[in-house]
mmCIF file of all heavy atoms, coordinates in Angstrom:
data_MODEL
# 
_entry.id   MODEL 
# 
loop_
_atom_site.group_PDB 
_atom_site.id 
_atom_site.type_symbol 
_atom_site.label_atom_id 
_atom_site.label_alt_id 
_atom_site.label_comp_id 
_atom_site.label_asym_id 
_atom_site.label_entity_id 
_atom_site.label_seq_id 
_atom_site.pdbx_PDB_ins_code 
_atom_site.Cartn_x 
_atom_site.Cartn_y 
_atom_site.Cartn_z 
_atom_site.occupancy 
_atom_site.B_iso_or_equiv 
_atom_site.pdbx_formal_charge 
_atom_site.auth_seq_id 
_atom_site.auth_comp_id 
_atom_site.auth_asym_id 
_atom_site.auth_atom_id 
_atom_site.pdbx_PDB_model_num 
ATOM 1   N N   . LEU A 1 1  ? 125.179 27.620 -153.208 1.00 0.00 ? 1  LEU A N   1 
ATOM 2   C CA  . LEU A 1 1  ? 126.032 27.020 -152.172 1.00 0.00 ? 1  LEU A CA  1 
ATOM 3   C C   . LEU A 1 1  ? 125.817 25.524 -152.160 1.00 0.00 ? 1  LEU A C   1 
ATOM 4   O O   . LEU A 1 1  ? 126.781 24.754 -152.043 1.00 0.00 ? 1  LEU A O   1 
ATOM 5   C CB  . LEU A 1 1  ? 125.684 27.625 -150.806 1.00 0.00 ? 1  LEU A CB  1 
ATOM 6   C CG  . LEU A 1 1  ? 126.455 27.047 -149.612 1.00 0.00 ? 1  LEU A CG  1 
ATOM 7   C CD1 . LEU A 1 1  ? 127.955 27.250 -149.797 1.00 0.00 ? 1  LEU A CD1 1 
ATOM 8   C CD2 . LEU A 1 1  ? 125.988 27.713 -148.308 1.00 0.00 ? 1  LEU A CD2 1 
ATOM 9   N N   . GLY A 1 2  ? 124.588 25.076 -152.361 1.00 0.00 ? 2  GLY A N   1 
ATOM 10  C CA  . GLY A 1 2  ? 124.332 23.637 -152.350 1.00 0.00 ? 2  GLY A CA  1 
ATOM 11  C C   . GLY A 1 2  ? 124.990 22.953 -153.549 1.00 0.00 ? 2  GLY A C   1 
ATOM 12  O O   . GLY A 1 2  ? 125.527 21.859 -153.422 1.00 0.00 ? 2  GLY A O   1 
ATOM 13  N N   . ILE A 1 3  ? 124.926 23.600 -154.720 1.00 0.00 ? 3  ILE A N   1 
ATOM 14  C CA  . ILE A 1 3  ? 125.555 23.022 -155.925 1.00 0.00 ? 3  ILE A CA  1 
ATOM 15  C C   . ILE A 1 3  ? 127.052 22.919 -155.717 1.00 0.00 ? 3  ILE A C   1 
ATOM 16  O O   . ILE A 1 3  ? 127.699 21.924 -156.054 1.00 0.00 ? 3  ILE A O   1 
ATOM 17  C CB  . ILE A 1 3  ? 125.226 23.868 -157.176 1.00 0.00 ? 3  ILE A CB  1 
ATOM 18  C CG1 . ILE A 1 3  ? 123.713 23.817 -157.434 1.00 0.00 ? 3  ILE A CG1 1 
ATOM 19  C CG2 . ILE A 1 3  ? 126.010 23.404 -158.367 1.00 0.00 ? 3  ILE A CG2 1 
ATOM 20  C CD1 . ILE A 1 3  ? 123.256 24.777 -158.544 1.00 0.00 ? 3  ILE A CD1 1 
ATOM 21  N N   . PHE A 1 4  ? 127.640 23.996 -155.129 1.00 0.00 ? 4  PHE A N   1 
ATOM 22  C CA  . PHE A 1 4  ? 129.097 24.044 -154.945 1.00 0.00 ? 4  PHE A CA  1 
ATOM 23  C C   . PHE A 1 4  ? 129.518 22.931 -153.979 1.00 0.00 ? 4  PHE A C   1 
ATOM 24  O O   . PHE A 1 4  ? 130.507 22.225 -154.216 1.00 0.00 ? 4  PHE A O   1 
ATOM 25  C CB  . PHE A 1 4  ? 129.502 25.411 -154.364 1.00 0.00 ? 4  PHE A CB  1 
ATOM 26  C CG  . PHE A 1 4  ? 130.989 25.511 -154.072 1.00 0.00 ? 4  PHE A CG  1 
ATOM 27  C CD1 . PHE A 1 4  ? 131.911 25.687 -155.091 1.00 0.00 ? 4  PHE A CD1 1 
ATOM 28  C CD2 . PHE A 1 4  ? 131.435 25.360 -152.779 1.00 0.00 ? 4  PHE A CD2 1 
ATOM 29  C CE1 . PHE A 1 4  ? 133.255 25.765 -154.836 1.00 0.00 ? 4  PHE A CE1 1 
ATOM 30  C CE2 . PHE A 1 4  ? 132.783 25.430 -152.541 1.00 0.00 ? 4  PHE A CE2 1 
ATOM 31  C CZ  . PHE A 1 4  ? 133.721 25.630 -153.540 1.00 0.00 ? 4  PHE A CZ  1 
ATOM 32  N N   . GLN A 1 5  ? 128.730 22.711 -152.915 1.00 0.00 ? 5  GLN A N   1 
ATOM 33  C CA  . GLN A 1 5  ? 129.066 21.663 -151.945 1.00 0.00 ? 5  GLN A CA  1 
ATOM 34  C C   . GLN A 1 5  ? 128.941 20.288 -152.613 1.00 0.00 ? 5  GLN A C   1 
ATOM 35  O O   . GLN A 1 5  ? 129.724 19.379 -152.332 1.00 0.00 ? 5  GLN A O   1 
ATOM 36  C CB  . GLN A 1 5  ? 128.137 21.761 -150.733 1.00 0.00 ? 5  GLN A CB  1 
ATOM 37  C CG  . GLN A 1 5  ? 128.419 22.978 -149.855 1.00 0.00 ? 5  GLN A CG  1 
ATOM 38  C CD  . GLN A 1 5  ? 127.440 23.081 -148.692 1.00 0.00 ? 5  GLN A CD  1 
ATOM 39  O OE1 . GLN A 1 5  ? 126.389 22.402 -148.727 1.00 0.00 ? 5  GLN A OE1 1 
ATOM 40  N NE2 . GLN A 1 5  ? 127.802 23.912 -147.710 1.00 0.00 ? 5  GLN A NE2 1 
ATOM 41  N N   . PHE A 1 6  ? 127.959 20.113 -153.503 1.00 0.00 ? 6  PHE A N   1 
ATOM 42  C CA  . PHE A 1 6  ? 127.780 18.827 -154.189 1.00 0.00 ? 6  PHE A CA  1 
ATOM 43  C C   . PHE A 1 6  ? 128.970 18.528 -155.082 1.00 0.00 ? 6  PHE A C   1 
ATOM 44  O O   . PHE A 1 6  ? 129.459 17.401 -155.143 1.00 0.00 ? 6  PHE A O   1 
ATOM 45  C CB  . PHE A 1 6  ? 126.472 18.858 -154.998 1.00 0.00 ? 6  PHE A CB  1 
ATOM 46  C CG  . PHE A 1 6  ? 126.187 17.581 -155.715 1.00 0.00 ? 6  PHE A CG  1 
ATOM 47  C CD1 . PHE A 1 6  ? 125.668 16.477 -155.061 1.00 0.00 ? 6  PHE A CD1 1 
ATOM 48  C CD2 . PHE A 1 6  ? 126.466 17.440 -157.084 1.00 0.00 ? 6  PHE A CD2 1 
ATOM 49  C CE1 . PHE A 1 6  ? 125.429 15.294 -155.717 1.00 0.00 ? 6  PHE A CE1 1 
ATOM 50  C CE2 . PHE A 1 6  ? 126.222 16.242 -157.726 1.00 0.00 ? 6  PHE A CE2 1 
ATOM 51  C CZ  . PHE A 1 6  ? 125.703 15.165 -157.057 1.00 0.00 ? 6  PHE A CZ  1 
ATOM 52  N N   . LEU A 1 7  ? 129.438 19.553 -155.822 1.00 0.00 ? 7  LEU A N   1 
ATOM 53  C CA  . LEU A 1 7  ? 130.588 19.361 -156.694 1.00 0.00 ? 7  LEU A CA  1 
ATOM 54  C C   . LEU A 1 7  ? 131.816 19.004 -155.887 1.00 0.00 ? 7  LEU A C   1 
ATOM 55  O O   . LEU A 1 7  ? 132.629 18.158 -156.296 1.00 0.00 ? 7  LEU A O   1 
ATOM 56  C CB  . LEU A 1 7  ? 130.834 20.628 -157.523 1.00 0.00 ? 7  LEU A CB  1 
ATOM 57  C CG  . LEU A 1 7  ? 129.759 20.957 -158.577 1.00 0.00 ? 7  LEU A CG  1 
ATOM 58  C CD1 . LEU A 1 7  ? 130.075 22.300 -159.244 1.00 0.00 ? 7  LEU A CD1 1 
ATOM 59  C CD2 . LEU A 1 7  ? 129.700 19.857 -159.658 1.00 0.00 ? 7  LEU A CD2 1 
ATOM 60  N N   . MET A 1 8  ? 132.029 19.677 -154.738 1.00 0.00 ? 8  MET A N   1 
ATOM 61  C CA  . MET A 1 8  ? 133.199 19.401 -153.912 1.00 0.00 ? 8  MET A CA  1 
ATOM 62  C C   . MET A 1 8  ? 133.117 18.002 -153.346 1.00 0.00 ? 8  MET A C   1 
ATOM 63  O O   . MET A 1 8  ? 134.131 17.318 -153.205 1.00 0.00 ? 8  MET A O   1 
ATOM 64  C CB  . MET A 1 8  ? 133.247 20.411 -152.748 1.00 0.00 ? 8  MET A CB  1 
ATOM 65  C CG  . MET A 1 8  ? 133.560 21.832 -153.205 1.00 0.00 ? 8  MET A CG  1 
ATOM 66  S SD  . MET A 1 8  ? 135.142 21.939 -154.086 1.00 0.00 ? 8  MET A SD  1 
ATOM 67  C CE  . MET A 1 8  ? 136.249 21.463 -152.769 1.00 0.00 ? 8  MET A CE  1 
ATOM 68  N N   . LEU A 1 9  ? 131.890 17.549 -153.094 1.00 0.00 ? 9  LEU A N   1 
ATOM 69  C CA  . LEU A 1 9  ? 131.727 16.195 -152.590 1.00 0.00 ? 9  LEU A CA  1 
ATOM 70  C C   . LEU A 1 9  ? 132.111 15.194 -153.642 1.00 0.00 ? 9  LEU A C   1 
ATOM 71  O O   . LEU A 1 9  ? 132.792 14.209 -153.380 1.00 0.00 ? 9  LEU A O   1 
ATOM 72  C CB  . LEU A 1 9  ? 130.288 15.990 -152.136 1.00 0.00 ? 9  LEU A CB  1 
ATOM 73  C CG  . LEU A 1 9  ? 129.930 14.579 -151.658 1.00 0.00 ? 9  LEU A CG  1 
ATOM 74  C CD1 . LEU A 1 9  ? 130.785 14.177 -150.462 1.00 0.00 ? 9  LEU A CD1 1 
ATOM 75  C CD2 . LEU A 1 9  ? 128.440 14.507 -151.299 1.00 0.00 ? 9  LEU A CD2 1 
ATOM 76  N N   . GLY A 1 10 ? 131.693 15.440 -154.886 1.00 0.00 ? 10 GLY A N   1 
ATOM 77  C CA  . GLY A 1 10 ? 132.028 14.505 -155.954 1.00 0.00 ? 10 GLY A CA  1 
ATOM 78  C C   . GLY A 1 10 ? 133.508 14.435 -156.193 1.00 0.00 ? 10 GLY A C   1 
ATOM 79  O O   . GLY A 1 10 ? 134.085 13.383 -156.423 1.00 0.00 ? 10 GLY A O   1 
ATOM 80  N N   . LEU A 1 11 ? 134.178 15.603 -156.137 1.00 0.00 ? 11 LEU A N   1 
ATOM 81  C CA  . LEU A 1 11 ? 135.625 15.638 -156.330 1.00 0.00 ? 11 LEU A CA  1 
ATOM 82  C C   . LEU A 1 11 ? 136.313 14.866 -155.243 1.00 0.00 ? 11 LEU A C   1 
ATOM 83  O O   . LEU A 1 11 ? 137.281 14.130 -155.469 1.00 0.00 ? 11 LEU A O   1 
ATOM 84  C CB  . LEU A 1 11 ? 136.096 17.101 -156.350 1.00 0.00 ? 11 LEU A CB  1 
ATOM 85  C CG  . LEU A 1 11 ? 137.603 17.310 -156.512 1.00 0.00 ? 11 LEU A CG  1 
ATOM 86  C CD1 . LEU A 1 11 ? 138.072 16.715 -157.878 1.00 0.00 ? 11 LEU A CD1 1 
ATOM 87  C CD2 . LEU A 1 11 ? 137.931 18.798 -156.446 1.00 0.00 ? 11 LEU A CD2 1 
ATOM 88  N N   . SER A 1 12 ? 135.797 14.979 -154.047 1.00 0.00 ? 12 SER A N   1 
ATOM 89  C CA  . SER A 1 12 ? 136.413 14.277 -152.930 1.00 0.00 ? 12 SER A CA  1 
ATOM 90  C C   . SER A 1 12 ? 136.251 12.788 -153.060 1.00 0.00 ? 12 SER A C   1 
ATOM 91  O O   . SER A 1 12 ? 137.152 12.020 -152.745 1.00 0.00 ? 12 SER A O   1 
ATOM 92  C CB  . SER A 1 12 ? 135.784 14.752 -151.604 1.00 0.00 ? 12 SER A CB  1 
ATOM 93  O OG  . SER A 1 12 ? 136.008 16.130 -151.418 1.00 0.00 ? 12 SER A OG  1 
ATOM 94  N N   . LEU A 1 13 ? 135.090 12.339 -153.544 1.00 0.00 ? 13 LEU A N   1 
ATOM 95  C CA  . LEU A 1 13 ? 134.857 10.917 -153.694 1.00 0.00 ? 13 LEU A CA  1 
ATOM 96  C C   . LEU A 1 13 ? 135.756 10.323 -154.760 1.00 0.00 ? 13 LEU A C   1 
ATOM 97  O O   . LEU A 1 13 ? 136.236 9.203  -154.641 1.00 0.00 ? 13 LEU A O   1 
ATOM 98  C CB  . LEU A 1 13 ? 133.373 10.664 -154.057 1.00 0.00 ? 13 LEU A CB  1 
ATOM 99  C CG  . LEU A 1 13 ? 132.374 10.938 -152.924 1.00 0.00 ? 13 LEU A CG  1 
ATOM 100 C CD1 . LEU A 1 13 ? 130.946 10.822 -153.471 1.00 0.00 ? 13 LEU A CD1 1 
ATOM 101 C CD2 . LEU A 1 13 ? 132.593 9.991  -151.772 1.00 0.00 ? 13 LEU A CD2 1 
ATOM 102 N N   . THR A 1 14 ? 135.972 11.079 -155.851 1.00 0.00 ? 14 THR A N   1 
ATOM 103 C CA  . THR A 1 14 ? 136.833 10.603 -156.926 1.00 0.00 ? 14 THR A CA  1 
ATOM 104 C C   . THR A 1 14 ? 138.229 10.384 -156.422 1.00 0.00 ? 14 THR A C   1 
ATOM 105 O O   . THR A 1 14 ? 138.896 9.381  -156.679 1.00 0.00 ? 14 THR A O   1 
ATOM 106 C CB  . THR A 1 14 ? 136.839 11.592 -158.095 1.00 0.00 ? 14 THR A CB  1 
ATOM 107 O OG1 . THR A 1 14 ? 135.502 11.777 -158.517 1.00 0.00 ? 14 THR A OG1 1 
ATOM 108 C CG2 . THR A 1 14 ? 137.691 11.112 -159.241 1.00 0.00 ? 14 THR A CG2 1 
ATOM 109 N N   . VAL A 1 15 ? 138.735 11.365 -155.656 1.00 0.00 ? 15 VAL A N   1 
ATOM 110 C CA  . VAL A 1 15 ? 140.103 11.273 -155.136 1.00 0.00 ? 15 VAL A CA  1 
ATOM 111 C C   . VAL A 1 15 ? 140.206 10.124 -154.158 1.00 0.00 ? 15 VAL A C   1 
ATOM 112 O O   . VAL A 1 15 ? 141.157 9.365  -154.152 1.00 0.00 ? 15 VAL A O   1 
ATOM 113 C CB  . VAL A 1 15 ? 140.510 12.585 -154.427 1.00 0.00 ? 15 VAL A CB  1 
ATOM 114 C CG1 . VAL A 1 15 ? 141.851 12.449 -153.766 1.00 0.00 ? 15 VAL A CG1 1 
ATOM 115 C CG2 . VAL A 1 15 ? 140.519 13.726 -155.419 1.00 0.00 ? 15 VAL A CG2 1 
ATOM 116 N N   . ALA A 1 16 ? 139.185 9.929  -153.345 1.00 0.00 ? 16 ALA A N   1 
ATOM 117 C CA  . ALA A 1 16 ? 139.227 8.879  -152.332 1.00 0.00 ? 16 ALA A CA  1 
ATOM 118 C C   . ALA A 1 16 ? 139.147 7.514  -152.965 1.00 0.00 ? 16 ALA A C   1 
ATOM 119 O O   . ALA A 1 16 ? 139.783 6.573  -152.519 1.00 0.00 ? 16 ALA A O   1 
ATOM 120 C CB  . ALA A 1 16 ? 138.077 9.070  -151.342 1.00 0.00 ? 16 ALA A CB  1 
ATOM 121 N N   . SER A 1 17 ? 138.349 7.381  -154.110 1.00 0.00 ? 17 SER A N   1 
ATOM 122 C CA  . SER A 1 17 ? 138.212 6.086  -154.773 1.00 0.00 ? 17 SER A CA  1 
ATOM 123 C C   . SER A 1 17 ? 139.498 5.673  -155.413 1.00 0.00 ? 17 SER A C   1 
ATOM 124 O O   . SER A 1 17 ? 139.821 4.499  -155.508 1.00 0.00 ? 17 SER A O   1 
ATOM 125 C CB  . SER A 1 17 ? 137.064 6.115  -155.778 1.00 0.00 ? 17 SER A CB  1 
ATOM 126 O OG  . SER A 1 17 ? 137.333 7.067  -156.782 1.00 0.00 ? 17 SER A OG  1 
ATOM 127 N N   . GLU A 1 18 ? 140.266 6.632  -155.875 1.00 0.00 ? 18 GLU A N   1 
ATOM 128 C CA  . GLU A 1 18 ? 141.540 6.324  -156.499 1.00 0.00 ? 18 GLU A CA  1 
ATOM 129 C C   . GLU A 1 18 ? 142.520 5.797  -155.472 1.00 0.00 ? 18 GLU A C   1 
ATOM 130 O O   . GLU A 1 18 ? 143.356 4.949  -155.788 1.00 0.00 ? 18 GLU A O   1 
ATOM 131 C CB  . GLU A 1 18 ? 142.107 7.568  -157.218 1.00 0.00 ? 18 GLU A CB  1 
ATOM 132 C CG  . GLU A 1 18 ? 141.277 7.972  -158.422 1.00 0.00 ? 18 GLU A CG  1 
ATOM 133 C CD  . GLU A 1 18 ? 141.810 9.233  -159.078 1.00 0.00 ? 18 GLU A CD  1 
ATOM 134 O OE1 . GLU A 1 18 ? 142.770 9.814  -158.467 1.00 0.00 ? 18 GLU A OE1 1 
ATOM 135 O OE2 . GLU A 1 18 ? 141.322 9.634  -160.121 1.00 0.00 ? 18 GLU A OE2 1 
ATOM 136 N N   . LYS A 1 19 ? 142.495 6.213  -154.325 1.00 0.00 ? 19 LYS A N   1 
ATOM 137 C CA  . LYS A 1 19 ? 143.416 5.754  -153.288 1.00 0.00 ? 19 LYS A CA  1 
ATOM 138 C C   . LYS A 1 19 ? 142.913 4.473  -152.647 1.00 0.00 ? 19 LYS A C   1 
ATOM 139 O O   . LYS A 1 19 ? 143.625 3.813  -151.945 1.00 0.00 ? 19 LYS A O   1 
ATOM 140 C CB  . LYS A 1 19 ? 143.592 6.811  -152.214 1.00 0.00 ? 19 LYS A CB  1 
ATOM 141 C CG  . LYS A 1 19 ? 144.307 8.028  -152.770 1.00 0.00 ? 19 LYS A CG  1 
ATOM 142 C CD  . LYS A 1 19 ? 144.515 9.032  -151.652 1.00 0.00 ? 19 LYS A CD  1 
ATOM 143 C CE  . LYS A 1 19 ? 145.267 10.238 -152.155 1.00 0.00 ? 19 LYS A CE  1 
ATOM 144 N NZ  . LYS A 1 19 ? 145.505 11.219 -151.103 1.00 0.00 ? 19 LYS A NZ  1 
ATOM 145 N N   . GLY A 1 20 ? 141.619 4.127  -152.835 1.00 0.00 ? 20 GLY A N   1 
ATOM 146 C CA  . GLY A 1 20 ? 141.048 2.907  -152.290 1.00 0.00 ? 20 GLY A CA  1 
ATOM 147 C C   . GLY A 1 20 ? 140.529 3.035  -150.898 1.00 0.00 ? 20 GLY A C   1 
ATOM 148 O O   . GLY A 1 20 ? 140.052 2.071  -150.331 1.00 0.00 ? 20 GLY A O   1 
ATOM 149 N N   . THR A 1 21 ? 140.628 4.218  -150.303 1.00 0.00 ? 21 THR A N   1 
ATOM 150 C CA  . THR A 1 21 ? 140.133 4.423  -148.933 1.00 0.00 ? 21 THR A CA  1 
ATOM 151 C C   . THR A 1 21 ? 139.379 5.704  -148.887 1.00 0.00 ? 21 THR A C   1 
ATOM 152 O O   . THR A 1 21 ? 139.885 6.757  -149.247 1.00 0.00 ? 21 THR A O   1 
ATOM 153 C CB  . THR A 1 21 ? 141.278 4.480  -147.906 1.00 0.00 ? 21 THR A CB  1 
ATOM 154 O OG1 . THR A 1 21 ? 142.153 5.548  -148.193 1.00 0.00 ? 21 THR A OG1 1 
ATOM 155 C CG2 . THR A 1 21 ? 142.040 3.175  -147.847 1.00 0.00 ? 21 THR A CG2 1 
ATOM 156 N N   . PHE A 1 22 ? 138.122 5.688  -148.478 1.00 0.00 ? 22 PHE A N   1 
ATOM 157 C CA  . PHE A 1 22 ? 137.371 6.933  -148.287 1.00 0.00 ? 22 PHE A CA  1 
ATOM 158 C C   . PHE A 1 22 ? 136.222 6.646  -147.340 1.00 0.00 ? 22 PHE A C   1 
ATOM 159 O O   . PHE A 1 22 ? 135.832 5.522  -147.116 1.00 0.00 ? 22 PHE A O   1 
ATOM 160 C CB  . PHE A 1 22 ? 136.834 7.477  -149.631 1.00 0.00 ? 22 PHE A CB  1 
ATOM 161 C CG  . PHE A 1 22 ? 135.762 6.610  -150.250 1.00 0.00 ? 22 PHE A CG  1 
ATOM 162 C CD1 . PHE A 1 22 ? 134.409 6.851  -150.013 1.00 0.00 ? 22 PHE A CD1 1 
ATOM 163 C CD2 . PHE A 1 22 ? 136.095 5.546  -151.089 1.00 0.00 ? 22 PHE A CD2 1 
ATOM 164 C CE1 . PHE A 1 22 ? 133.428 6.059  -150.585 1.00 0.00 ? 22 PHE A CE1 1 
ATOM 165 C CE2 . PHE A 1 22 ? 135.092 4.769  -151.647 1.00 0.00 ? 22 PHE A CE2 1 
ATOM 166 C CZ  . PHE A 1 22 ? 133.755 5.026  -151.406 1.00 0.00 ? 22 PHE A CZ  1 
ATOM 167 N N   . GLU A 1 23 ? 135.690 7.694  -146.756 1.00 0.00 ? 23 GLU A N   1 
ATOM 168 C CA  . GLU A 1 23 ? 134.549 7.598  -145.870 1.00 0.00 ? 23 GLU A CA  1 
ATOM 169 C C   . GLU A 1 23 ? 133.758 8.855  -146.028 1.00 0.00 ? 23 GLU A C   1 
ATOM 170 O O   . GLU A 1 23 ? 134.265 9.944  -145.821 1.00 0.00 ? 23 GLU A O   1 
ATOM 171 C CB  . GLU A 1 23 ? 135.000 7.452  -144.410 1.00 0.00 ? 23 GLU A CB  1 
ATOM 172 C CG  . GLU A 1 23 ? 133.827 7.290  -143.453 1.00 0.00 ? 23 GLU A CG  1 
ATOM 173 C CD  . GLU A 1 23 ? 134.312 7.125  -142.027 1.00 0.00 ? 23 GLU A CD  1 
ATOM 174 O OE1 . GLU A 1 23 ? 135.540 7.088  -141.836 1.00 0.00 ? 23 GLU A OE1 1 
ATOM 175 O OE2 . GLU A 1 23 ? 133.475 7.086  -141.112 1.00 0.00 ? 23 GLU A OE2 1 
ATOM 176 N N   . CYS A 1 24 ? 132.494 8.687  -146.512 1.00 0.00 ? 24 CYS A N   1 
ATOM 177 C CA  . CYS A 1 24 ? 131.692 9.875  -146.772 1.00 0.00 ? 24 CYS A CA  1 
ATOM 178 C C   . CYS A 1 24 ? 130.303 9.633  -146.237 1.00 0.00 ? 24 CYS A C   1 
ATOM 179 O O   . CYS A 1 24 ? 129.768 8.554  -146.377 1.00 0.00 ? 24 CYS A O   1 
ATOM 180 C CB  . CYS A 1 24 ? 131.650 10.152 -148.297 1.00 0.00 ? 24 CYS A CB  1 
ATOM 181 S SG  . CYS A 1 24 ? 130.720 11.658 -148.668 1.00 0.00 ? 24 CYS A SG  1 
ATOM 182 N N   . GLU A 1 25 ? 129.727 10.643 -145.627 1.00 0.00 ? 25 GLU A N   1 
ATOM 183 C CA  . GLU A 1 25 ? 128.395 10.527 -145.052 1.00 0.00 ? 25 GLU A CA  1 
ATOM 184 C C   . GLU A 1 25 ? 127.651 11.811 -145.285 1.00 0.00 ? 25 GLU A C   1 
ATOM 185 O O   . GLU A 1 25 ? 128.183 12.888 -145.075 1.00 0.00 ? 25 GLU A O   1 
ATOM 186 C CB  . GLU A 1 25 ? 128.505 10.234 -143.548 1.00 0.00 ? 25 GLU A CB  1 
ATOM 187 C CG  . GLU A 1 25 ? 127.147 10.067 -142.876 1.00 0.00 ? 25 GLU A CG  1 
ATOM 188 C CD  . GLU A 1 25 ? 127.293 9.791  -141.426 1.00 0.00 ? 25 GLU A CD  1 
ATOM 189 O OE1 . GLU A 1 25 ? 128.460 9.678  -140.962 1.00 0.00 ? 25 GLU A OE1 1 
ATOM 190 O OE2 . GLU A 1 25 ? 126.298 9.707  -140.709 1.00 0.00 ? 25 GLU A OE2 1 
ATOM 191 N N   . PHE A 1 26 ? 126.414 11.726 -145.820 1.00 0.00 ? 26 PHE A N   1 
ATOM 192 C CA  . PHE A 1 26 ? 125.581 12.893 -146.061 1.00 0.00 ? 26 PHE A CA  1 
ATOM 193 C C   . PHE A 1 26 ? 124.756 13.184 -144.823 1.00 0.00 ? 26 PHE A C   1 
ATOM 194 O O   . PHE A 1 26 ? 124.015 12.320 -144.366 1.00 0.00 ? 26 PHE A O   1 
ATOM 195 C CB  . PHE A 1 26 ? 124.642 12.626 -147.271 1.00 0.00 ? 26 PHE A CB  1 
ATOM 196 C CG  . PHE A 1 26 ? 125.375 12.551 -148.570 1.00 0.00 ? 26 PHE A CG  1 
ATOM 197 C CD1 . PHE A 1 26 ? 125.801 11.315 -149.087 1.00 0.00 ? 26 PHE A CD1 1 
ATOM 198 C CD2 . PHE A 1 26 ? 125.642 13.703 -149.300 1.00 0.00 ? 26 PHE A CD2 1 
ATOM 199 C CE1 . PHE A 1 26 ? 126.462 11.270 -150.306 1.00 0.00 ? 26 PHE A CE1 1 
ATOM 200 C CE2 . PHE A 1 26 ? 126.309 13.652 -150.485 1.00 0.00 ? 26 PHE A CE2 1 
ATOM 201 C CZ  . PHE A 1 26 ? 126.738 12.437 -151.000 1.00 0.00 ? 26 PHE A CZ  1 
ATOM 202 N N   . ARG A 1 27 ? 124.911 14.335 -144.350 1.00 0.00 ? 27 ARG A N   1 
ATOM 203 C CA  . ARG A 1 27 ? 124.110 14.791 -143.200 1.00 0.00 ? 27 ARG A CA  1 
ATOM 204 C C   . ARG A 1 27 ? 123.721 16.226 -143.424 1.00 0.00 ? 27 ARG A C   1 
ATOM 205 O O   . ARG A 1 27 ? 124.487 17.139 -143.186 1.00 0.00 ? 27 ARG A O   1 
ATOM 206 C CB  . ARG A 1 27 ? 124.878 14.652 -141.887 1.00 0.00 ? 27 ARG A CB  1 
ATOM 207 C CG  . ARG A 1 27 ? 125.116 13.201 -141.480 1.00 0.00 ? 27 ARG A CG  1 
ATOM 208 C CD  . ARG A 1 27 ? 125.830 13.156 -140.147 1.00 0.00 ? 27 ARG A CD  1 
ATOM 209 N NE  . ARG A 1 27 ? 126.112 11.787 -139.756 1.00 0.00 ? 27 ARG A NE  1 
ATOM 210 C CZ  . ARG A 1 27 ? 126.813 11.459 -138.667 1.00 0.00 ? 27 ARG A CZ  1 
ATOM 211 N NH1 . ARG A 1 27 ? 127.277 12.428 -137.901 1.00 0.00 ? 27 ARG A NH1 1 
ATOM 212 N NH2 . ARG A 1 27 ? 127.025 10.193 -138.388 1.00 0.00 ? 27 ARG A NH2 1 
ATOM 213 N N   . LYS A 1 28 ? 122.493 16.390 -143.910 1.00 0.00 ? 28 LYS A N   1 
ATOM 214 C CA  . LYS A 1 28 ? 121.953 17.735 -144.070 1.00 0.00 ? 28 LYS A CA  1 
ATOM 215 C C   . LYS A 1 28 ? 122.895 18.597 -144.856 1.00 0.00 ? 28 LYS A C   1 
ATOM 216 O O   . LYS A 1 28 ? 123.313 19.645 -144.436 1.00 0.00 ? 28 LYS A O   1 
ATOM 217 C CB  . LYS A 1 28 ? 121.670 18.375 -142.720 1.00 0.00 ? 28 LYS A CB  1 
ATOM 218 C CG  . LYS A 1 28 ? 120.581 17.642 -141.941 1.00 0.00 ? 28 LYS A CG  1 
ATOM 219 C CD  . LYS A 1 28 ? 120.327 18.343 -140.618 1.00 0.00 ? 28 LYS A CD  1 
ATOM 220 C CE  . LYS A 1 28 ? 119.271 17.615 -139.828 1.00 0.00 ? 28 LYS A CE  1 
ATOM 221 N NZ  . LYS A 1 28 ? 119.001 18.260 -138.565 1.00 0.00 ? 28 LYS A NZ  1 
ATOM 222 N N   . ASN A 1 29 ? 123.238 18.089 -146.109 1.00 0.00 ? 29 ASN A N   1 
ATOM 223 C CA  . ASN A 1 29 ? 124.062 18.873 -147.023 1.00 0.00 ? 29 ASN A CA  1 
ATOM 224 C C   . ASN A 1 29 ? 125.430 19.224 -146.449 1.00 0.00 ? 29 ASN A C   1 
ATOM 225 O O   . ASN A 1 29 ? 126.004 20.264 -146.724 1.00 0.00 ? 29 ASN A O   1 
ATOM 226 C CB  . ASN A 1 29 ? 123.362 20.173 -147.435 1.00 0.00 ? 29 ASN A CB  1 
ATOM 227 C CG  . ASN A 1 29 ? 122.058 19.874 -148.182 1.00 0.00 ? 29 ASN A CG  1 
ATOM 228 O OD1 . ASN A 1 29 ? 121.970 18.869 -148.934 1.00 0.00 ? 29 ASN A OD1 1 
ATOM 229 N ND2 . ASN A 1 29 ? 121.078 20.736 -148.014 1.00 0.00 ? 29 ASN A ND2 1 
# 
């Protein structure tokens, strides 16, 4: 579950970087 959440986080960051706007915060996985 932790690996799957990490991958989804990376995918989300990639999509957000392409649009130029994103906000991500790590809080206890």
